[in-house]
Amino acid sequence: MVTVLDTTRPSGKMRHPEKAHRPDQPTRLKKPDWIRVKAPTSKGFHETNKIVKSHNLVTVCGEAGCPNIGECWDQKHASFMIMGEICTRACAFCNVATGMPGALDKEEPVNVAKAVKKMGLKHVVITSVDRDDLADGGAQHFVEVIQAIREYSPGTTVEILTPDFLRKEGALEAVVAAKPDVFNHNLETVPSNYLKVRPGARYFHSIRLLQRVKELDPSIFTKSGIMVGLGEERNEVLQLMDDLRIADVDFLTIGQYLQPTKKHHEVMSFVTPDEFKSFETIAYTKGFLMVSASPLTRSSHHAGSDFEKLRANREAKLASIK
């Protein structure tokens, strides 16, 4: 079974104070067999965990309660979450702690870079909490992490999964100028769900953010992902695909939403593997270079191997045009 983190932090404070007074959401649906995974126990998992802790790092794998943590950490794949473990937003689906974050750790860029080098990563994913408290939303910190990784591990490709930098003028431009190999920003869900699922964000701002990346640097791969099972309609998912293709997004991920605690948004449906396969087929017909759609798909799952496929697919497409 998938295990999720406690609702309290080590300090004893609640992870989700904004959800404390909400009524428990009903657990109506039993998890199907196709999304059950074993608890992590492998040697590789414990070695990765040791490296992460020894460098005082945070991973989204742990903070978000990802069901793939055992598989990824066993293979020494990890997605580092920078700028602390406390998010300024309170999305209804997310298990990352909410509150007022502390000051940025000036040593974090180098610590991340050292961990990447020690783990021998060919491809690394860097994500973050939302930092609406910072003037640039944390953009310069992303830049410094990218630069440090390039200094310590020049052969490592860098994928970033960023916040939306809403109302942070110049932030996106600074991050794109650092030339990550992949720029990922997740839409998370269809626009009709935003007010209840992702209230701090704006759907068309996120679409525009992804489109702007391509305008600034067409060589950077762009990527976005959503969860299904939040009450969306099938035609809304197909429209979202069209919106992303208009923004020239290269890579789409679709995974099953899993409810972290009873205080979070309930699971409205479990999408079958056949339905995920249908989404994948349709997405490819709409022109995405790469699609990952399955119950356990997450933004960073198989990110390294998927990047190689993404790059190969672009080369094949360009060759076919010549």
C-alpha atoms as a PDB file:
ATOM      1  CA  MET A   1       0.000   0.000   0.000  1.00  0.00           C
ATOM      2  CA  VAL A   2       1.018   3.635  -0.452  1.00  0.00           C
ATOM      3  CA  THR A   3       1.938   5.354   2.781  1.00  0.00           C
ATOM      4  CA  VAL A   4       1.652   9.097   3.309  1.00  0.00           C
ATOM      5  CA  LEU A   5       3.460  11.390   5.686  1.00  0.00           C
ATOM      6  CA  ASP A   6       2.121  12.438   9.064  1.00  0.00           C
ATOM      7  CA  THR A   7       0.035  15.584   9.198  1.00  0.00           C
ATOM      8  CA  THR A   8       2.459  17.126  11.730  1.00  0.00           C
ATOM      9  CA  ARG A   9       5.992  18.377  11.176  1.00  0.00           C
ATOM     10  CA  PRO A  10       8.971  17.495  13.392  1.00  0.00           C
ATOM     11  CA  SER A  11       8.465  20.801  15.216  1.00  0.00           C
ATOM     12  CA  GLY A  12       5.051  19.564  16.327  1.00  0.00           C
ATOM     13  CA  LYS A  13       3.268  22.112  14.161  1.00  0.00           C
ATOM     14  CA  MET A  14       0.532  20.972  11.821  1.00  0.00           C
ATOM     15  CA  ARG A  15       1.505  20.410   8.195  1.00  0.00           C
ATOM     16  CA  HIS A  16      -1.781  21.872   6.998  1.00  0.00           C
ATOM     17  CA  PRO A  17      -3.176  24.418   9.488  1.00  0.00           C
ATOM     18  CA  GLU A  18      -5.529  25.806   6.850  1.00  0.00           C
ATOM     19  CA  LYS A  19      -7.190  22.394   6.589  1.00  0.00           C
ATOM     20  CA  ALA A  20      -7.490  21.720  10.329  1.00  0.00           C
ATOM     21  CA  HIS A  21     -11.106  22.827  10.622  1.00  0.00           C
ATOM     22  CA  ARG A  22     -12.333  21.227   7.425  1.00  0.00           C
ATOM     23  CA  PRO A  23     -14.590  18.233   7.808  1.00  0.00           C
ATOM     24  CA  ASP A  24     -13.008  14.907   6.907  1.00  0.00           C
ATOM     25  CA  GLN A  25     -13.617  13.997   3.291  1.00  0.00           C
ATOM     26  CA  PRO A  26     -15.462  10.720   2.826  1.00  0.00           C
ATOM     27  CA  THR A  27     -13.407   7.720   1.776  1.00  0.00           C
ATOM     28  CA  ARG A  28     -15.841   6.388  -0.758  1.00  0.00           C
ATOM     29  CA  LEU A  29     -13.622   4.458  -3.101  1.00  0.00           C
ATOM     30  CA  LYS A  30     -11.365   1.496  -2.442  1.00  0.00           C
ATOM     31  CA  LYS A  31      -7.950   1.650  -4.088  1.00  0.00           C
ATOM     32  CA  PRO A  32      -7.763  -0.741  -7.032  1.00  0.00           C
ATOM     33  CA  ASP A  33      -4.932  -3.245  -7.270  1.00  0.00           C
ATOM     34  CA  TRP A  34      -3.230  -1.394 -10.106  1.00  0.00           C
ATOM     35  CA  ILE A  35      -2.115   1.508  -7.880  1.00  0.00           C
ATOM     36  CA  ARG A  36      -0.866  -0.444  -4.887  1.00  0.00           C
ATOM     37  CA  VAL A  37       2.887  -0.432  -4.331  1.00  0.00           C
ATOM     38  CA  LYS A  38       5.155  -2.032  -1.749  1.00  0.00           C
ATOM     39  CA  ALA A  39       6.802  -0.080   1.057  1.00  0.00           C
ATOM     40  CA  PRO A  40      10.449   0.815   0.248  1.00  0.00           C
ATOM     41  CA  THR A  41      12.993  -1.510   1.914  1.00  0.00           C
ATOM     42  CA  SER A  42      15.843  -1.937  -0.598  1.00  0.00           C
ATOM     43  CA  LYS A  43      19.524  -1.191  -0.008  1.00  0.00           C
ATOM     44  CA  GLY A  44      19.490   1.420  -2.790  1.00  0.00           C
ATOM     45  CA  PHE A  45      16.584   3.222  -1.143  1.00  0.00           C
ATOM     46  CA  HIS A  46      18.426   3.491   2.177  1.00  0.00           C
ATOM     47  CA  GLU A  47      21.643   4.635   0.478  1.00  0.00           C
ATOM     48  CA  THR A  48      19.796   7.440  -1.329  1.00  0.00           C
ATOM     49  CA  ASN A  49      18.023   8.408   1.878  1.00  0.00           C
ATOM     50  CA  LYS A  50      21.408   8.646   3.620  1.00  0.00           C
ATOM     51  CA  ILE A  51      22.847  10.912   0.913  1.00  0.00           C
ATOM     52  CA  VAL A  52      19.805  13.194   1.012  1.00  0.00           C
ATOM     53  CA  LYS A  53      19.929  13.526   4.809  1.00  0.00           C
ATOM     54  CA  SER A  54      23.702  13.978   4.988  1.00  0.00           C
ATOM     55  CA  HIS A  55      23.458  17.006   2.677  1.00  0.00           C
ATOM     56  CA  ASN A  56      20.513  18.485   4.600  1.00  0.00           C
ATOM     57  CA  LEU A  57      18.265  18.300   1.535  1.00  0.00           C
ATOM     58  CA  VAL A  58      14.533  18.033   0.997  1.00  0.00           C
ATOM     59  CA  THR A  59      12.959  15.877  -1.709  1.00  0.00           C
ATOM     60  CA  VAL A  60       9.516  16.164  -3.193  1.00  0.00           C
ATOM     61  CA  CYS A  61       9.513  12.363  -3.173  1.00  0.00           C
ATOM     62  CA  GLY A  62       9.210  12.387   0.591  1.00  0.00           C
ATOM     63  CA  GLU A  63       7.322  15.627   1.191  1.00  0.00           C
ATOM     64  CA  ALA A  64       4.569  14.829  -1.304  1.00  0.00           C
ATOM     65  CA  GLY A  65       4.288  11.171  -0.281  1.00  0.00           C
ATOM     66  CA  CYS A  66       5.057   9.914  -3.793  1.00  0.00           C
ATOM     67  CA  PRO A  67       4.099   6.262  -4.330  1.00  0.00           C
ATOM     68  CA  ASN A  68       7.172   5.718  -6.535  1.00  0.00           C
ATOM     69  CA  ILE A  69       9.747   6.660  -3.894  1.00  0.00           C
ATOM     70  CA  GLY A  70      10.882   3.056  -3.372  1.00  0.00           C
ATOM     71  CA  GLU A  71      11.496   2.419  -7.068  1.00  0.00           C
ATOM     72  CA  CYS A  72      13.179   5.757  -7.774  1.00  0.00           C
ATOM     73  CA  TRP A  73      15.421   5.888  -4.716  1.00  0.00           C
ATOM     74  CA  ASP A  74      16.491   2.290  -5.241  1.00  0.00           C
ATOM     75  CA  GLN A  75      17.845   3.441  -8.614  1.00  0.00           C
ATOM     76  CA  LYS A  76      19.359   6.559  -6.985  1.00  0.00           C
ATOM     77  CA  HIS A  77      16.891   8.864  -8.712  1.00  0.00           C
ATOM     78  CA  ALA A  78      15.604  11.729  -6.584  1.00  0.00           C
ATOM     79  CA  SER A  79      13.778  14.996  -7.172  1.00  0.00           C
ATOM     80  CA  PHE A  80      15.219  17.701  -4.953  1.00  0.00           C
ATOM     81  CA  MET A  81      12.865  20.296  -3.492  1.00  0.00           C
ATOM     82  CA  ILE A  82      14.616  23.587  -2.899  1.00  0.00           C
ATOM     83  CA  MET A  83      13.786  26.685  -0.841  1.00  0.00           C
ATOM     84  CA  GLY A  84      12.585  24.793   2.211  1.00  0.00           C
ATOM     85  CA  GLU A  85       9.745  22.420   2.984  1.00  0.00           C
ATOM     86  CA  ILE A  86       7.003  24.961   3.738  1.00  0.00           C
ATOM     87  CA  CYS A  87       4.809  26.281   0.917  1.00  0.00           C
ATOM     88  CA  THR A  88       2.993  29.620   0.918  1.00  0.00           C
ATOM     89  CA  ARG A  89       0.001  28.134  -0.878  1.00  0.00           C
ATOM     90  CA  ALA A  90      -2.612  25.627   0.221  1.00  0.00           C
ATOM     91  CA  CYS A  91      -3.651  23.500  -2.735  1.00  0.00           C
ATOM     92  CA  ALA A  92      -6.368  21.009  -1.865  1.00  0.00           C
ATOM     93  CA  PHE A  93      -4.457  18.039  -3.319  1.00  0.00           C
ATOM     94  CA  CYS A  94      -0.954  18.628  -1.957  1.00  0.00           C
ATOM     95  CA  ASN A  95       0.723  17.081   1.086  1.00  0.00           C
ATOM     96  CA  VAL A  96       3.582  19.598   1.294  1.00  0.00           C
ATOM     97  CA  ALA A  97       3.429  21.603   4.533  1.00  0.00           C
ATOM     98  CA  THR A  98       1.756  25.020   4.417  1.00  0.00           C
ATOM     99  CA  GLY A  99       2.751  28.162   6.305  1.00  0.00           C
ATOM    100  CA  MET A 100       5.278  30.993   6.334  1.00  0.00           C
ATOM    101  CA  PRO A 101       8.676  29.723   5.103  1.00  0.00           C
ATOM    102  CA  GLY A 102      12.009  30.655   6.630  1.00  0.00           C
ATOM    103  CA  ALA A 103      14.956  32.359   4.989  1.00  0.00           C
ATOM    104  CA  LEU A 104      16.645  30.733   2.007  1.00  0.00           C
ATOM    105  CA  ASP A 105      19.617  28.483   2.718  1.00  0.00           C
ATOM    106  CA  LYS A 106      22.583  30.059   0.926  1.00  0.00           C
ATOM    107  CA  GLU A 107      24.436  26.733   1.015  1.00  0.00           C
ATOM    108  CA  GLU A 108      21.618  24.813  -0.640  1.00  0.00           C
ATOM    109  CA  PRO A 109      22.737  25.234  -4.282  1.00  0.00           C
ATOM    110  CA  VAL A 110      26.165  23.766  -3.512  1.00  0.00           C
ATOM    111  CA  ASN A 111      24.691  21.030  -1.274  1.00  0.00           C
ATOM    112  CA  VAL A 112      22.325  19.979  -4.057  1.00  0.00           C
ATOM    113  CA  ALA A 113      25.175  19.988  -6.568  1.00  0.00           C
ATOM    114  CA  LYS A 114      27.374  17.869  -4.271  1.00  0.00           C
ATOM    115  CA  ALA A 115      24.569  15.327  -3.802  1.00  0.00           C
ATOM    116  CA  VAL A 116      23.989  15.145  -7.566  1.00  0.00           C
ATOM    117  CA  LYS A 117      27.687  14.485  -8.104  1.00  0.00           C
ATOM    118  CA  LYS A 118      27.890  11.907  -5.311  1.00  0.00           C
ATOM    119  CA  MET A 119      24.880  10.031  -6.682  1.00  0.00           C
ATOM    120  CA  GLY A 120      26.344  10.152 -10.190  1.00  0.00           C
ATOM    121  CA  LEU A 121      23.105  11.423 -11.694  1.00  0.00           C
ATOM    122  CA  LYS A 122      22.914  11.786 -15.463  1.00  0.00           C
ATOM    123  CA  HIS A 123      19.625  13.678 -15.146  1.00  0.00           C
ATOM    124  CA  VAL A 124      18.308  15.561 -12.128  1.00  0.00           C
ATOM    125  CA  VAL A 125      14.931  17.124 -11.326  1.00  0.00           C
ATOM    126  CA  ILE A 126      14.808  20.298  -9.226  1.00  0.00           C
ATOM    127  CA  THR A 127      11.474  21.507  -7.910  1.00  0.00           C
ATOM    128  CA  SER A 128      10.394  23.845  -5.121  1.00  0.00           C
ATOM    129  CA  VAL A 129       7.649  24.986  -2.848  1.00  0.00           C
ATOM    130  CA  ASP A 130       5.793  28.154  -3.817  1.00  0.00           C
ATOM    131  CA  ARG A 131       7.577  31.171  -2.338  1.00  0.00           C
ATOM    132  CA  ASP A 132       5.084  33.989  -2.799  1.00  0.00           C
ATOM    133  CA  ASP A 133       6.876  35.759   0.082  1.00  0.00           C
ATOM    134  CA  LEU A 134       9.962  36.392  -2.063  1.00  0.00           C
ATOM    135  CA  ALA A 135      10.154  39.314  -4.468  1.00  0.00           C
ATOM    136  CA  ASP A 136      11.199  37.042  -7.341  1.00  0.00           C
ATOM    137  CA  GLY A 137       9.340  33.938  -6.191  1.00  0.00           C
ATOM    138  CA  GLY A 138      12.691  32.189  -5.739  1.00  0.00           C
ATOM    139  CA  ALA A 139      13.805  32.549  -9.364  1.00  0.00           C
ATOM    140  CA  GLN A 140      17.395  33.529  -8.509  1.00  0.00           C
ATOM    141  CA  HIS A 141      17.680  30.528  -6.199  1.00  0.00           C
ATOM    142  CA  PHE A 142      16.682  28.264  -9.099  1.00  0.00           C
ATOM    143  CA  VAL A 143      19.367  29.958 -11.196  1.00  0.00           C
ATOM    144  CA  GLU A 144      22.034  29.378  -8.533  1.00  0.00           C
ATOM    145  CA  VAL A 145      21.093  25.703  -8.170  1.00  0.00           C
ATOM    146  CA  ILE A 146      21.273  25.164 -11.944  1.00  0.00           C
ATOM    147  CA  GLN A 147      24.652  26.912 -12.108  1.00  0.00           C
ATOM    148  CA  ALA A 148      26.054  24.895  -9.183  1.00  0.00           C
ATOM    149  CA  ILE A 149      24.985  21.584 -10.741  1.00  0.00           C
ATOM    150  CA  ARG A 150      26.589  22.578 -14.036  1.00  0.00           C
ATOM    151  CA  GLU A 151      29.816  23.429 -12.196  1.00  0.00           C
ATOM    152  CA  TYR A 152      30.006  20.184 -10.204  1.00  0.00           C
ATOM    153  CA  SER A 153      28.496  17.834 -12.816  1.00  0.00           C
ATOM    154  CA  PRO A 154      28.844  19.339 -16.311  1.00  0.00           C
ATOM    155  CA  GLY A 155      27.459  16.216 -17.959  1.00  0.00           C
ATOM    156  CA  THR A 156      24.238  16.133 -15.945  1.00  0.00           C
ATOM    157  CA  THR A 157      21.082  17.336 -17.673  1.00  0.00           C
ATOM    158  CA  VAL A 158      18.857  19.519 -15.524  1.00  0.00           C
ATOM    159  CA  GLU A 159      15.069  19.455 -15.395  1.00  0.00           C
ATOM    160  CA  ILE A 160      13.251  22.049 -13.310  1.00  0.00           C
ATOM    161  CA  LEU A 161       9.670  21.931 -12.063  1.00  0.00           C
ATOM    162  CA  THR A 162       8.783  25.478 -11.121  1.00  0.00           C
ATOM    163  CA  PRO A 163       6.011  27.427  -9.415  1.00  0.00           C
ATOM    164  CA  ASP A 164       4.006  29.788 -11.611  1.00  0.00           C
ATOM    165  CA  PHE A 165       5.899  32.969 -10.566  1.00  0.00           C
ATOM    166  CA  LEU A 166       2.527  34.726 -10.476  1.00  0.00           C
ATOM    167  CA  ARG A 167       2.990  38.515 -10.333  1.00  0.00           C
ATOM    168  CA  LYS A 168       6.804  38.142 -10.176  1.00  0.00           C
ATOM    169  CA  GLU A 169       8.031  40.335 -13.016  1.00  0.00           C
ATOM    170  CA  GLY A 170      11.249  39.147 -14.646  1.00  0.00           C
ATOM    171  CA  ALA A 171      11.377  35.890 -12.678  1.00  0.00           C
ATOM    172  CA  LEU A 172      10.646  33.566 -15.571  1.00  0.00           C
ATOM    173  CA  GLU A 173      13.126  35.324 -17.835  1.00  0.00           C
ATOM    174  CA  ALA A 174      15.910  34.867 -15.262  1.00  0.00           C
ATOM    175  CA  VAL A 175      15.266  31.131 -14.924  1.00  0.00           C
ATOM    176  CA  VAL A 176      15.069  30.548 -18.681  1.00  0.00           C
ATOM    177  CA  ALA A 177      18.361  32.436 -19.150  1.00  0.00           C
ATOM    178  CA  ALA A 178      20.029  29.775 -16.943  1.00  0.00           C
ATOM    179  CA  LYS A 179      19.142  27.303 -19.729  1.00  0.00           C
ATOM    180  CA  PRO A 180      17.693  24.255 -17.962  1.00  0.00           C
ATOM    181  CA  ASP A 181      17.340  21.305 -20.322  1.00  0.00           C
ATOM    182  CA  VAL A 182      13.667  20.820 -19.405  1.00  0.00           C
ATOM    183  CA  PHE A 183      11.286  23.447 -18.035  1.00  0.00           C
ATOM    184  CA  ASN A 184       8.324  21.796 -16.324  1.00  0.00           C
ATOM    185  CA  HIS A 185       5.351  23.582 -14.837  1.00  0.00           C
ATOM    186  CA  ASN A 186       2.312  21.518 -13.920  1.00  0.00           C
ATOM    187  CA  LEU A 187      -1.245  22.591 -14.648  1.00  0.00           C
ATOM    188  CA  GLU A 188      -2.316  19.924 -12.106  1.00  0.00           C
ATOM    189  CA  THR A 189      -5.979  19.826 -13.178  1.00  0.00           C
ATOM    190  CA  VAL A 190      -8.540  21.171 -15.640  1.00  0.00           C
ATOM    191  CA  PRO A 191      -9.601  24.844 -15.355  1.00  0.00           C
ATOM    192  CA  SER A 192     -13.065  24.114 -13.910  1.00  0.00           C
ATOM    193  CA  ASN A 193     -11.372  22.618 -10.833  1.00  0.00           C
ATOM    194  CA  TYR A 194      -9.018  25.509 -10.081  1.00  0.00           C
ATOM    195  CA  LEU A 195     -11.096  27.353  -7.480  1.00  0.00           C
ATOM    196  CA  LYS A 196     -11.407  24.285  -5.271  1.00  0.00           C
ATOM    197  CA  VAL A 197      -8.227  22.358  -6.131  1.00  0.00           C
ATOM    198  CA  ARG A 198      -5.606  25.008  -6.949  1.00  0.00           C
ATOM    199  CA  PRO A 199      -7.119  28.292  -5.701  1.00  0.00           C
ATOM    200  CA  GLY A 200      -3.875  30.286  -5.551  1.00  0.00           C
ATOM    201  CA  ALA A 201      -3.096  29.734  -9.231  1.00  0.00           C
ATOM    202  CA  ARG A 202      -4.565  30.861 -12.550  1.00  0.00           C
ATOM    203  CA  TYR A 203      -4.971  28.329 -15.355  1.00  0.00           C
ATOM    204  CA  PHE A 204      -4.312  30.632 -18.306  1.00  0.00           C
ATOM    205  CA  HIS A 205      -1.369  32.265 -16.544  1.00  0.00           C
ATOM    206  CA  SER A 206       0.218  28.811 -16.307  1.00  0.00           C
ATOM    207  CA  ILE A 207      -0.467  28.160 -19.995  1.00  0.00           C
ATOM    208  CA  ARG A 208       1.072  31.502 -20.875  1.00  0.00           C
ATOM    209  CA  LEU A 209       4.112  30.781 -18.682  1.00  0.00           C
ATOM    210  CA  LEU A 210       4.860  27.617 -20.654  1.00  0.00           C
ATOM    211  CA  GLN A 211       4.303  29.393 -23.962  1.00  0.00           C
ATOM    212  CA  ARG A 212       6.648  32.196 -22.916  1.00  0.00           C
ATOM    213  CA  VAL A 213       9.470  29.722 -22.212  1.00  0.00           C
ATOM    214  CA  LYS A 214       9.377  28.620 -25.848  1.00  0.00           C
ATOM    215  CA  GLU A 215       9.309  32.217 -27.050  1.00  0.00           C
ATOM    216  CA  LEU A 216      12.396  33.024 -24.988  1.00  0.00           C
ATOM    217  CA  ASP A 217      14.352  29.867 -25.857  1.00  0.00           C
ATOM    218  CA  PRO A 218      12.886  27.343 -28.325  1.00  0.00           C
ATOM    219  CA  SER A 219      15.698  24.874 -27.568  1.00  0.00           C
ATOM    220  CA  ILE A 220      14.408  24.212 -24.046  1.00  0.00           C
ATOM    221  CA  PHE A 221      11.997  21.289 -23.755  1.00  0.00           C
ATOM    222  CA  THR A 222       8.745  22.205 -22.020  1.00  0.00           C
ATOM    223  CA  LYS A 223       6.663  19.857 -19.947  1.00  0.00           C
ATOM    224  CA  SER A 224       3.444  19.881 -17.932  1.00  0.00           C
ATOM    225  CA  GLY A 225       1.357  17.403 -16.000  1.00  0.00           C
ATOM    226  CA  ILE A 226      -2.078  16.828 -14.545  1.00  0.00           C
ATOM    227  CA  MET A 227      -3.804  14.484 -12.141  1.00  0.00           C
ATOM    228  CA  VAL A 228      -7.073  12.776 -12.979  1.00  0.00           C
ATOM    229  CA  GLY A 229      -9.700  11.494 -10.586  1.00  0.00           C
ATOM    230  CA  LEU A 230     -10.541  14.972  -9.249  1.00  0.00           C
ATOM    231  CA  GLY A 231     -13.961  15.149 -10.889  1.00  0.00           C
ATOM    232  CA  GLU A 232     -12.846  16.328 -14.322  1.00  0.00           C
ATOM    233  CA  GLU A 233     -14.727  15.394 -17.490  1.00  0.00           C
ATOM    234  CA  ARG A 234     -12.956  13.569 -20.308  1.00  0.00           C
ATOM    235  CA  ASN A 235     -13.599  16.368 -22.803  1.00  0.00           C
ATOM    236  CA  GLU A 236     -11.963  18.822 -20.374  1.00  0.00           C
ATOM    237  CA  VAL A 237      -8.782  16.760 -20.401  1.00  0.00           C
ATOM    238  CA  LEU A 238      -8.788  16.743 -24.200  1.00  0.00           C
ATOM    239  CA  GLN A 239      -9.277  20.526 -24.277  1.00  0.00           C
ATOM    240  CA  LEU A 240      -6.392  20.931 -21.832  1.00  0.00           C
ATOM    241  CA  MET A 241      -4.212  18.943 -24.239  1.00  0.00           C
ATOM    242  CA  ASP A 242      -5.132  21.368 -27.016  1.00  0.00           C
ATOM    243  CA  ASP A 243      -4.298  24.353 -24.783  1.00  0.00           C
ATOM    244  CA  LEU A 244      -0.855  22.903 -24.064  1.00  0.00           C
ATOM    245  CA  ARG A 245      -0.168  22.199 -27.728  1.00  0.00           C
ATOM    246  CA  ILE A 246      -1.104  25.774 -28.631  1.00  0.00           C
ATOM    247  CA  ALA A 247       1.601  26.751 -26.109  1.00  0.00           C
ATOM    248  CA  ASP A 248       3.974  24.347 -27.940  1.00  0.00           C
ATOM    249  CA  VAL A 249       4.503  22.117 -24.890  1.00  0.00           C
ATOM    250  CA  ASP A 250       6.567  19.028 -25.724  1.00  0.00           C
ATOM    251  CA  PHE A 251       5.848  16.579 -22.911  1.00  0.00           C
ATOM    252  CA  LEU A 252       2.624  15.720 -21.079  1.00  0.00           C
ATOM    253  CA  THR A 253       2.267  13.574 -17.956  1.00  0.00           C
ATOM    254  CA  ILE A 254      -1.060  12.271 -16.632  1.00  0.00           C
ATOM    255  CA  GLY A 255      -1.355  10.372 -13.351  1.00  0.00           C
ATOM    256  CA  GLN A 256      -3.972   9.273 -10.839  1.00  0.00           C
ATOM    257  CA  TYR A 257      -4.727  11.628  -7.940  1.00  0.00           C
ATOM    258  CA  LEU A 258      -4.288   9.970  -4.533  1.00  0.00           C
ATOM    259  CA  GLN A 259      -5.696  11.626  -1.418  1.00  0.00           C
ATOM    260  CA  PRO A 260      -2.906  12.292   1.146  1.00  0.00           C
ATOM    261  CA  THR A 261      -5.177  12.723   4.190  1.00  0.00           C
ATOM    262  CA  LYS A 262      -8.880  12.944   5.011  1.00  0.00           C
ATOM    263  CA  LYS A 263      -8.560  16.737   5.041  1.00  0.00           C
ATOM    264  CA  HIS A 264      -7.514  16.842   1.374  1.00  0.00           C
ATOM    265  CA  HIS A 265      -9.711  16.759  -1.714  1.00  0.00           C
ATOM    266  CA  GLU A 266     -11.378  13.397  -2.063  1.00  0.00           C
ATOM    267  CA  VAL A 267     -10.711  10.981  -4.898  1.00  0.00           C
ATOM    268  CA  MET A 268     -13.739  11.243  -7.163  1.00  0.00           C
ATOM    269  CA  SER A 269     -12.770   8.313  -9.399  1.00  0.00           C
ATOM    270  CA  PHE A 270     -10.004   5.840 -10.140  1.00  0.00           C
ATOM    271  CA  VAL A 271      -9.148   6.004 -13.813  1.00  0.00           C
ATOM    272  CA  THR A 272      -8.467   2.601 -15.343  1.00  0.00           C
ATOM    273  CA  PRO A 273      -5.205   1.677 -17.130  1.00  0.00           C
ATOM    274  CA  ASP A 274      -7.176   1.397 -20.391  1.00  0.00           C
ATOM    275  CA  GLU A 275      -8.419   4.974 -20.010  1.00  0.00           C
ATOM    276  CA  PHE A 276      -4.869   6.169 -19.380  1.00  0.00           C
ATOM    277  CA  LYS A 277      -3.745   4.373 -22.529  1.00  0.00           C
ATOM    278  CA  SER A 278      -6.492   6.144 -24.448  1.00  0.00           C
ATOM    279  CA  PHE A 279      -5.293   9.533 -23.136  1.00  0.00           C
ATOM    280  CA  GLU A 280      -1.746   8.656 -24.191  1.00  0.00           C
ATOM    281  CA  THR A 281      -2.815   7.701 -27.729  1.00  0.00           C
ATOM    282  CA  ILE A 282      -4.863  10.864 -28.184  1.00  0.00           C
ATOM    283  CA  ALA A 283      -2.091  13.081 -26.801  1.00  0.00           C
ATOM    284  CA  TYR A 284       0.391  11.698 -29.332  1.00  0.00           C
ATOM    285  CA  THR A 285      -2.068  12.378 -32.164  1.00  0.00           C
ATOM    286  CA  LYS A 286      -2.250  15.999 -30.981  1.00  0.00           C
ATOM    287  CA  GLY A 287       1.492  16.386 -31.483  1.00  0.00           C
ATOM    288  CA  PHE A 288       3.228  15.931 -28.120  1.00  0.00           C
ATOM    289  CA  LEU A 289       6.778  14.639 -28.505  1.00  0.00           C
ATOM    290  CA  MET A 290       6.482  12.596 -25.316  1.00  0.00           C
ATOM    291  CA  VAL A 291       3.542  11.366 -23.222  1.00  0.00           C
ATOM    292  CA  SER A 292       3.526   9.454 -19.955  1.00  0.00           C
ATOM    293  CA  ALA A 293       0.039   8.436 -18.833  1.00  0.00           C
ATOM    294  CA  SER A 294      -0.582   5.742 -16.233  1.00  0.00           C
ATOM    295  CA  PRO A 295      -2.048   5.441 -12.733  1.00  0.00           C
ATOM    296  CA  LEU A 296       1.380   5.825 -11.077  1.00  0.00           C
ATOM    297  CA  THR A 297       2.788   8.449 -13.452  1.00  0.00           C
ATOM    298  CA  ARG A 298       4.238  11.444 -11.629  1.00  0.00           C
ATOM    299  CA  SER A 299       6.074  14.449 -13.053  1.00  0.00           C
ATOM    300  CA  SER A 300       9.515  13.155 -12.156  1.00  0.00           C
ATOM    301  CA  HIS A 301       8.935   9.411 -12.531  1.00  0.00           C
ATOM    302  CA  HIS A 302      11.473   7.945 -15.010  1.00  0.00           C
ATOM    303  CA  ALA A 303      12.549  11.516 -15.777  1.00  0.00           C
ATOM    304  CA  GLY A 304      16.023  10.518 -16.925  1.00  0.00           C
ATOM    305  CA  SER A 305      15.005   7.821 -19.388  1.00  0.00           C
ATOM    306  CA  ASP A 306      12.058   9.920 -20.536  1.00  0.00           C
ATOM    307  CA  PHE A 307      14.421  12.814 -21.298  1.00  0.00           C
ATOM    308  CA  GLU A 308      16.479  10.583 -23.582  1.00  0.00           C
ATOM    309  CA  LYS A 309      13.302   9.532 -25.420  1.00  0.00           C
ATOM    310  CA  LEU A 310      12.160  13.144 -25.617  1.00  0.00           C
ATOM    311  CA  ARG A 311      15.431  14.242 -27.177  1.00  0.00           C
ATOM    312  CA  ALA A 312      15.397  11.338 -29.627  1.00  0.00           C
ATOM    313  CA  ASN A 313      11.790  12.100 -30.615  1.00  0.00           C
ATOM    314  CA  ARG A 314      12.673  15.724 -31.361  1.00  0.00           C
ATOM    315  CA  GLU A 315      15.619  14.661 -33.519  1.00  0.00           C
ATOM    316  CA  ALA A 316      13.421  12.196 -35.408  1.00  0.00           C
ATOM    317  CA  LYS A 317      10.761  14.863 -35.981  1.00  0.00           C
ATOM    318  CA  LEU A 318      13.301  17.371 -37.268  1.00  0.00           C
ATOM    319  CA  ALA A 319      14.827  14.743 -39.558  1.00  0.00           C
ATOM    320  CA  SER A 320      11.431  13.937 -41.022  1.00  0.00           C
ATOM    321  CA  ILE A 321      10.828  17.578 -41.885  1.00  0.00           C
ATOM    322  CA  LYS A 322      14.088  17.963 -43.822  1.00  0.00           C
END
